[in-house]
Amino acid sequence: MRISARNKLEGRIVEVRKGMTTAHVRIDVNGAIVTASITNEAVDELGLAVGQKAYAIVKASDVMVGID
């Protein structure tokens, strides 16, 4: 599949927490945790589970990061 996203971060799923309609999927990317909010339906269709290799794909023209 071809995508136009500018950043693709490889990591491992460390948590999948489903809510009423939306799930939060936490991915460990070299010690940094990236959290994705996706639908519960997408979690089920993709078969996402803790321990799986996954990619966090960031599609944005501007990404802001804050550090203490």
PDB file of N, CA and C in Angstrom:
ATOM      1  N   MET A   1       0.840  -1.173   0.000  1.00  0.00           N
ATOM      2  CA  MET A   1       0.000   0.000   0.000  1.00  0.00           C
ATOM      3  C   MET A   1       0.885   1.235   0.000  1.00  0.00           C
ATOM      4  N   ARG A   2       0.507   2.212  -0.780  1.00  0.00           N
ATOM      5  CA  ARG A   2       1.262   3.463  -0.859  1.00  0.00           C
ATOM      6  C   ARG A   2       0.556   4.512  -0.013  1.00  0.00           C
ATOM      7  N   ILE A   3       1.329   5.245   0.809  1.00  0.00           N
ATOM      8  CA  ILE A   3       0.764   6.291   1.649  1.00  0.00           C
ATOM      9  C   ILE A   3       1.541   7.582   1.457  1.00  0.00           C
ATOM     10  N   SER A   4       0.916   8.702   1.796  1.00  0.00           N
ATOM     11  CA  SER A   4       1.592   9.985   1.636  1.00  0.00           C
ATOM     12  C   SER A   4       2.064  10.556   2.970  1.00  0.00           C
ATOM     13  N   ALA A   5       1.947   9.791   4.051  1.00  0.00           N
ATOM     14  CA  ALA A   5       2.374  10.268   5.367  1.00  0.00           C
ATOM     15  C   ALA A   5       3.872  10.541   5.366  1.00  0.00           C
ATOM     16  N   ARG A   6       4.272  11.544   6.128  1.00  0.00           N
ATOM     17  CA  ARG A   6       5.673  11.942   6.162  1.00  0.00           C
ATOM     18  C   ARG A   6       6.503  11.145   7.174  1.00  0.00           C
ATOM     19  N   ASN A   7       5.852  10.606   8.169  1.00  0.00           N
ATOM     20  CA  ASN A   7       6.589   9.900   9.220  1.00  0.00           C
ATOM     21  C   ASN A   7       5.960   8.547   9.510  1.00  0.00           C
ATOM     22  N   LYS A   8       6.799   7.520   9.533  1.00  0.00           N
ATOM     23  CA  LYS A   8       6.359   6.167   9.861  1.00  0.00           C
ATOM     24  C   LYS A   8       7.285   5.673  10.962  1.00  0.00           C
ATOM     25  N   LEU A   9       6.731   5.442  12.161  1.00  0.00           N
ATOM     26  CA  LEU A   9       7.523   5.049  13.318  1.00  0.00           C
ATOM     27  C   LEU A   9       7.260   3.587  13.649  1.00  0.00           C
ATOM     28  N   GLU A  10       8.307   2.768  13.640  1.00  0.00           N
ATOM     29  CA  GLU A  10       8.164   1.337  13.918  1.00  0.00           C
ATOM     30  C   GLU A  10       8.311   1.077  15.414  1.00  0.00           C
ATOM     31  N   GLY A  11       7.457   0.213  15.945  1.00  0.00           N
ATOM     32  CA  GLY A  11       7.538  -0.137  17.360  1.00  0.00           C
ATOM     33  C   GLY A  11       6.754  -1.395  17.666  1.00  0.00           C
ATOM     34  N   ARG A  12       6.467  -1.579  18.962  1.00  0.00           N
ATOM     35  CA  ARG A  12       5.682  -2.737  19.435  1.00  0.00           C
ATOM     36  C   ARG A  12       4.500  -2.236  20.243  1.00  0.00           C
ATOM     37  N   ILE A  13       3.363  -2.880  20.055  1.00  0.00           N
ATOM     38  CA  ILE A  13       2.168  -2.518  20.813  1.00  0.00           C
ATOM     39  C   ILE A  13       2.358  -2.949  22.261  1.00  0.00           C
ATOM     40  N   VAL A  14       2.165  -2.000  23.193  1.00  0.00           N
ATOM     41  CA  VAL A  14       2.293  -2.305  24.618  1.00  0.00           C
ATOM     42  C   VAL A  14       0.951  -2.275  25.346  1.00  0.00           C
ATOM     43  N   GLU A  15      -0.065  -1.668  24.706  1.00  0.00           N
ATOM     44  CA  GLU A  15      -1.386  -1.634  25.333  1.00  0.00           C
ATOM     45  C   GLU A  15      -2.448  -1.330  24.285  1.00  0.00           C
ATOM     46  N   VAL A  16      -3.586  -2.018  24.416  1.00  0.00           N
ATOM     47  CA  VAL A  16      -4.765  -1.712  23.607  1.00  0.00           C
ATOM     48  C   VAL A  16      -5.912  -1.555  24.596  1.00  0.00           C
ATOM     49  N   ARG A  17      -6.440  -0.329  24.683  1.00  0.00           N
ATOM     50  CA  ARG A  17      -7.516  -0.053  25.633  1.00  0.00           C
ATOM     51  C   ARG A  17      -8.736   0.450  24.862  1.00  0.00           C
ATOM     52  N   LYS A  18      -9.765  -0.398  24.826  1.00  0.00           N
ATOM     53  CA  LYS A  18     -10.995  -0.025  24.113  1.00  0.00           C
ATOM     54  C   LYS A  18     -11.913   0.789  25.018  1.00  0.00           C
ATOM     55  N   GLY A  19     -12.544   1.795  24.426  1.00  0.00           N
ATOM     56  CA  GLY A  19     -13.572   2.576  25.091  1.00  0.00           C
ATOM     57  C   GLY A  19     -14.914   2.222  24.484  1.00  0.00           C
ATOM     58  N   MET A  20     -15.866   3.153  24.591  1.00  0.00           N
ATOM     59  CA  MET A  20     -17.204   2.913  24.044  1.00  0.00           C
ATOM     60  C   MET A  20     -17.164   2.731  22.522  1.00  0.00           C
ATOM     61  N   THR A  21     -16.429   3.601  21.830  1.00  0.00           N
ATOM     62  CA  THR A  21     -16.338   3.519  20.367  1.00  0.00           C
ATOM     63  C   THR A  21     -14.906   3.626  19.865  1.00  0.00           C
ATOM     64  N   THR A  22     -14.035   4.225  20.681  1.00  0.00           N
ATOM     65  CA  THR A  22     -12.657   4.503  20.270  1.00  0.00           C
ATOM     66  C   THR A  22     -11.677   3.755  21.168  1.00  0.00           C
ATOM     67  N   ALA A  23     -10.610   3.272  20.567  1.00  0.00           N
ATOM     68  CA  ALA A  23      -9.559   2.577  21.314  1.00  0.00           C
ATOM     69  C   ALA A  23      -8.289   3.424  21.325  1.00  0.00           C
ATOM     70  N   HIS A  24      -7.525   3.299  22.392  1.00  0.00           N
ATOM     71  CA  HIS A  24      -6.201   3.907  22.449  1.00  0.00           C
ATOM     72  C   HIS A  24      -5.186   2.772  22.345  1.00  0.00           C
ATOM     73  N   VAL A  25      -4.342   2.868  21.340  1.00  0.00           N
ATOM     74  CA  VAL A  25      -3.310   1.860  21.101  1.00  0.00           C
ATOM     75  C   VAL A  25      -1.970   2.515  21.399  1.00  0.00           C
ATOM     76  N   ARG A  26      -1.260   1.979  22.394  1.00  0.00           N
ATOM     77  CA  ARG A  26       0.036   2.535  22.789  1.00  0.00           C
ATOM     78  C   ARG A  26       1.143   1.702  22.155  1.00  0.00           C
ATOM     79  N   ILE A  27       2.062   2.396  21.483  1.00  0.00           N
ATOM     80  CA  ILE A  27       3.166   1.742  20.773  1.00  0.00           C
ATOM     81  C   ILE A  27       4.479   2.253  21.335  1.00  0.00           C
ATOM     82  N   ASP A  28       5.353   1.330  21.721  1.00  0.00           N
ATOM     83  CA  ASP A  28       6.694   1.675  22.202  1.00  0.00           C
ATOM     84  C   ASP A  28       7.606   1.815  20.990  1.00  0.00           C
ATOM     85  N   VAL A  29       8.077   3.030  20.770  1.00  0.00           N
ATOM     86  CA  VAL A  29       8.981   3.326  19.656  1.00  0.00           C
ATOM     87  C   VAL A  29      10.327   3.693  20.256  1.00  0.00           C
ATOM     88  N   ASN A  30      11.215   2.710  20.380  1.00  0.00           N
ATOM     89  CA  ASN A  30      12.550   2.929  20.963  1.00  0.00           C
ATOM     90  C   ASN A  30      12.500   3.628  22.313  1.00  0.00           C
ATOM     91  N   GLY A  31      11.583   3.200  23.184  1.00  0.00           N
ATOM     92  CA  GLY A  31      11.486   3.756  24.530  1.00  0.00           C
ATOM     93  C   GLY A  31      10.533   4.922  24.668  1.00  0.00           C
ATOM     94  N   ALA A  32      10.068   5.483  23.579  1.00  0.00           N
ATOM     95  CA  ALA A  32       9.063   6.547  23.614  1.00  0.00           C
ATOM     96  C   ALA A  32       7.705   5.926  23.301  1.00  0.00           C
ATOM     97  N   ILE A  33       6.685   6.322  24.055  1.00  0.00           N
ATOM     98  CA  ILE A  33       5.349   5.782  23.827  1.00  0.00           C
ATOM     99  C   ILE A  33       4.553   6.734  22.944  1.00  0.00           C
ATOM    100  N   VAL A  34       4.011   6.177  21.867  1.00  0.00           N
ATOM    101  CA  VAL A  34       3.142   6.917  20.953  1.00  0.00           C
ATOM    102  C   VAL A  34       1.748   6.326  21.118  1.00  0.00           C
ATOM    103  N   THR A  35       0.752   7.188  21.309  1.00  0.00           N
ATOM    104  CA  THR A  35      -0.619   6.717  21.479  1.00  0.00           C
ATOM    105  C   THR A  35      -1.457   7.097  20.264  1.00  0.00           C
ATOM    106  N   ALA A  36      -2.121   6.104  19.692  1.00  0.00           N
ATOM    107  CA  ALA A  36      -3.004   6.326  18.554  1.00  0.00           C
ATOM    108  C   ALA A  36      -4.442   6.127  19.014  1.00  0.00           C
ATOM    109  N   SER A  37      -5.329   6.993  18.581  1.00  0.00           N
ATOM    110  CA  SER A  37      -6.763   6.850  18.835  1.00  0.00           C
ATOM    111  C   SER A  37      -7.410   6.385  17.543  1.00  0.00           C
ATOM    112  N   ILE A  38      -7.945   5.167  17.577  1.00  0.00           N
ATOM    113  CA  ILE A  38      -8.605   4.610  16.394  1.00  0.00           C
ATOM    114  C   ILE A  38      -9.906   3.949  16.842  1.00  0.00           C
ATOM    115  N   THR A  39     -10.752   3.605  15.899  1.00  0.00           N
ATOM    116  CA  THR A  39     -12.023   2.988  16.263  1.00  0.00           C
ATOM    117  C   THR A  39     -11.815   1.561  16.774  1.00  0.00           C
ATOM    118  N   ASN A  40     -12.740   1.116  17.620  1.00  0.00           N
ATOM    119  CA  ASN A  40     -12.713  -0.276  18.080  1.00  0.00           C
ATOM    120  C   ASN A  40     -12.819  -1.224  16.889  1.00  0.00           C
ATOM    121  N   GLU A  41     -13.617  -0.830  15.904  1.00  0.00           N
ATOM    122  CA  GLU A  41     -13.783  -1.645  14.703  1.00  0.00           C
ATOM    123  C   GLU A  41     -12.440  -1.834  13.983  1.00  0.00           C
ATOM    124  N   ALA A  42     -11.627  -0.772  13.904  1.00  0.00           N
ATOM    125  CA  ALA A  42     -10.318  -0.869  13.256  1.00  0.00           C
ATOM    126  C   ALA A  42      -9.399  -1.801  14.037  1.00  0.00           C
ATOM    127  N   VAL A  43      -9.442  -1.736  15.372  1.00  0.00           N
ATOM    128  CA  VAL A  43      -8.634  -2.638  16.202  1.00  0.00           C
ATOM    129  C   VAL A  43      -8.980  -4.085  15.872  1.00  0.00           C
ATOM    130  N   ASP A  44     -10.276  -4.373  15.797  1.00  0.00           N
ATOM    131  CA  ASP A  44     -10.723  -5.736  15.512  1.00  0.00           C
ATOM    132  C   ASP A  44     -10.347  -6.167  14.095  1.00  0.00           C
ATOM    133  N   GLU A  45     -10.580  -5.288  13.113  1.00  0.00           N
ATOM    134  CA  GLU A  45     -10.268  -5.627  11.721  1.00  0.00           C
ATOM    135  C   GLU A  45      -8.782  -5.871  11.512  1.00  0.00           C
ATOM    136  N   LEU A  46      -7.931  -5.084  12.210  1.00  0.00           N
ATOM    137  CA  LEU A  46      -6.481  -5.231  12.071  1.00  0.00           C
ATOM    138  C   LEU A  46      -5.920  -6.333  12.971  1.00  0.00           C
ATOM    139  N   GLY A  47      -6.733  -6.812  13.918  1.00  0.00           N
ATOM    140  CA  GLY A  47      -6.282  -7.861  14.833  1.00  0.00           C
ATOM    141  C   GLY A  47      -5.165  -7.380  15.744  1.00  0.00           C
ATOM    142  N   LEU A  48      -5.232  -6.119  16.183  1.00  0.00           N
ATOM    143  CA  LEU A  48      -4.158  -5.555  17.000  1.00  0.00           C
ATOM    144  C   LEU A  48      -4.125  -6.184  18.388  1.00  0.00           C
ATOM    145  N   ALA A  49      -2.912  -6.495  18.857  1.00  0.00           N
ATOM    146  CA  ALA A  49      -2.737  -7.116  20.171  1.00  0.00           C
ATOM    147  C   ALA A  49      -1.379  -6.732  20.732  1.00  0.00           C
ATOM    148  N   VAL A  50      -1.297  -6.758  22.050  1.00  0.00           N
ATOM    149  CA  VAL A  50      -0.039  -6.459  22.743  1.00  0.00           C
ATOM    150  C   VAL A  50       1.059  -7.394  22.252  1.00  0.00           C
ATOM    151  N   GLY A  51       2.243  -6.824  22.028  1.00  0.00           N
ATOM    152  CA  GLY A  51       3.401  -7.602  21.603  1.00  0.00           C
ATOM    153  C   GLY A  51       3.634  -7.592  20.100  1.00  0.00           C
ATOM    154  N   GLN A  52       2.632  -7.187  19.339  1.00  0.00           N
ATOM    155  CA  GLN A  52       2.783  -7.164  17.883  1.00  0.00           C
ATOM    156  C   GLN A  52       3.643  -5.997  17.429  1.00  0.00           C
ATOM    157  N   LYS A  53       4.379  -6.219  16.354  1.00  0.00           N
ATOM    158  CA  LYS A  53       5.089  -5.141  15.682  1.00  0.00           C
ATOM    159  C   LYS A  53       4.034  -4.268  15.005  1.00  0.00           C
ATOM    160  N   ALA A  54       4.212  -2.948  15.090  1.00  0.00           N
ATOM    161  CA  ALA A  54       3.243  -2.034  14.490  1.00  0.00           C
ATOM    162  C   ALA A  54       3.950  -0.764  14.049  1.00  0.00           C
ATOM    163  N   TYR A  55       3.282  -0.005  13.225  1.00  0.00           N
ATOM    164  CA  TYR A  55       3.793   1.279  12.771  1.00  0.00           C
ATOM    165  C   TYR A  55       2.816   2.374  13.168  1.00  0.00           C
ATOM    166  N   ALA A  56       3.341   3.435  13.750  1.00  0.00           N
ATOM    167  CA  ALA A  56       2.549   4.638  13.993  1.00  0.00           C
ATOM    168  C   ALA A  56       2.818   5.536  12.794  1.00  0.00           C
ATOM    169  N   ILE A  57       1.785   5.852  12.060  1.00  0.00           N
ATOM    170  CA  ILE A  57       1.936   6.683  10.871  1.00  0.00           C
ATOM    171  C   ILE A  57       1.368   8.063  11.178  1.00  0.00           C
ATOM    172  N   VAL A  58       2.220   9.071  11.041  1.00  0.00           N
ATOM    173  CA  VAL A  58       1.832  10.445  11.335  1.00  0.00           C
ATOM    174  C   VAL A  58       1.657  11.179  10.016  1.00  0.00           C
ATOM    175  N   LYS A  59       0.436  11.622   9.757  1.00  0.00           N
ATOM    176  CA  LYS A  59       0.186  12.369   8.527  1.00  0.00           C
ATOM    177  C   LYS A  59      -0.237  13.775   8.936  1.00  0.00           C
ATOM    178  N   ALA A  60       0.700  14.686   8.833  1.00  0.00           N
ATOM    179  CA  ALA A  60       0.429  16.078   9.200  1.00  0.00           C
ATOM    180  C   ALA A  60       1.488  16.971   8.571  1.00  0.00           C
ATOM    181  N   SER A  61       1.098  18.188   8.288  1.00  0.00           N
ATOM    182  CA  SER A  61       2.092  19.132   7.751  1.00  0.00           C
ATOM    183  C   SER A  61       2.914  19.738   8.876  1.00  0.00           C
ATOM    184  N   ASP A  62       2.342  19.787  10.083  1.00  0.00           N
ATOM    185  CA  ASP A  62       3.052  20.315  11.256  1.00  0.00           C
ATOM    186  C   ASP A  62       2.817  19.387  12.431  1.00  0.00           C
ATOM    187  N   VAL A  63       3.895  19.036  13.124  1.00  0.00           N
ATOM    188  CA  VAL A  63       3.809  18.230  14.341  1.00  0.00           C
ATOM    189  C   VAL A  63       4.562  18.997  15.416  1.00  0.00           C
ATOM    190  N   MET A  64       3.897  19.223  16.542  1.00  0.00           N
ATOM    191  CA  MET A  64       4.542  19.951  17.635  1.00  0.00           C
ATOM    192  C   MET A  64       4.797  18.982  18.779  1.00  0.00           C
ATOM    193  N   VAL A  65       5.961  19.057  19.356  1.00  0.00           N
ATOM    194  CA  VAL A  65       6.348  18.202  20.473  1.00  0.00           C
ATOM    195  C   VAL A  65       6.793  19.096  21.609  1.00  0.00           C
ATOM    196  N   GLY A  66       6.317  18.811  22.807  1.00  0.00           N
ATOM    197  CA  GLY A  66       6.749  19.556  23.980  1.00  0.00           C
ATOM    198  C   GLY A  66       7.563  18.668  24.903  1.00  0.00           C
ATOM    199  N   ILE A  67       8.641  19.195  25.442  1.00  0.00           N
ATOM    200  CA  ILE A  67       9.508  18.441  26.345  1.00  0.00           C
ATOM    201  C   ILE A  67       9.772  19.295  27.572  1.00  0.00           C
ATOM    202  N   ASP A  68       9.707  18.679  28.747  1.00  0.00           N
ATOM    203  CA  ASP A  68      10.043  19.390  29.991  1.00  0.00           C
ATOM    204  C   ASP A  68      11.530  19.444  30.181  1.00  0.00           C
TER     205      ASP A  68
END
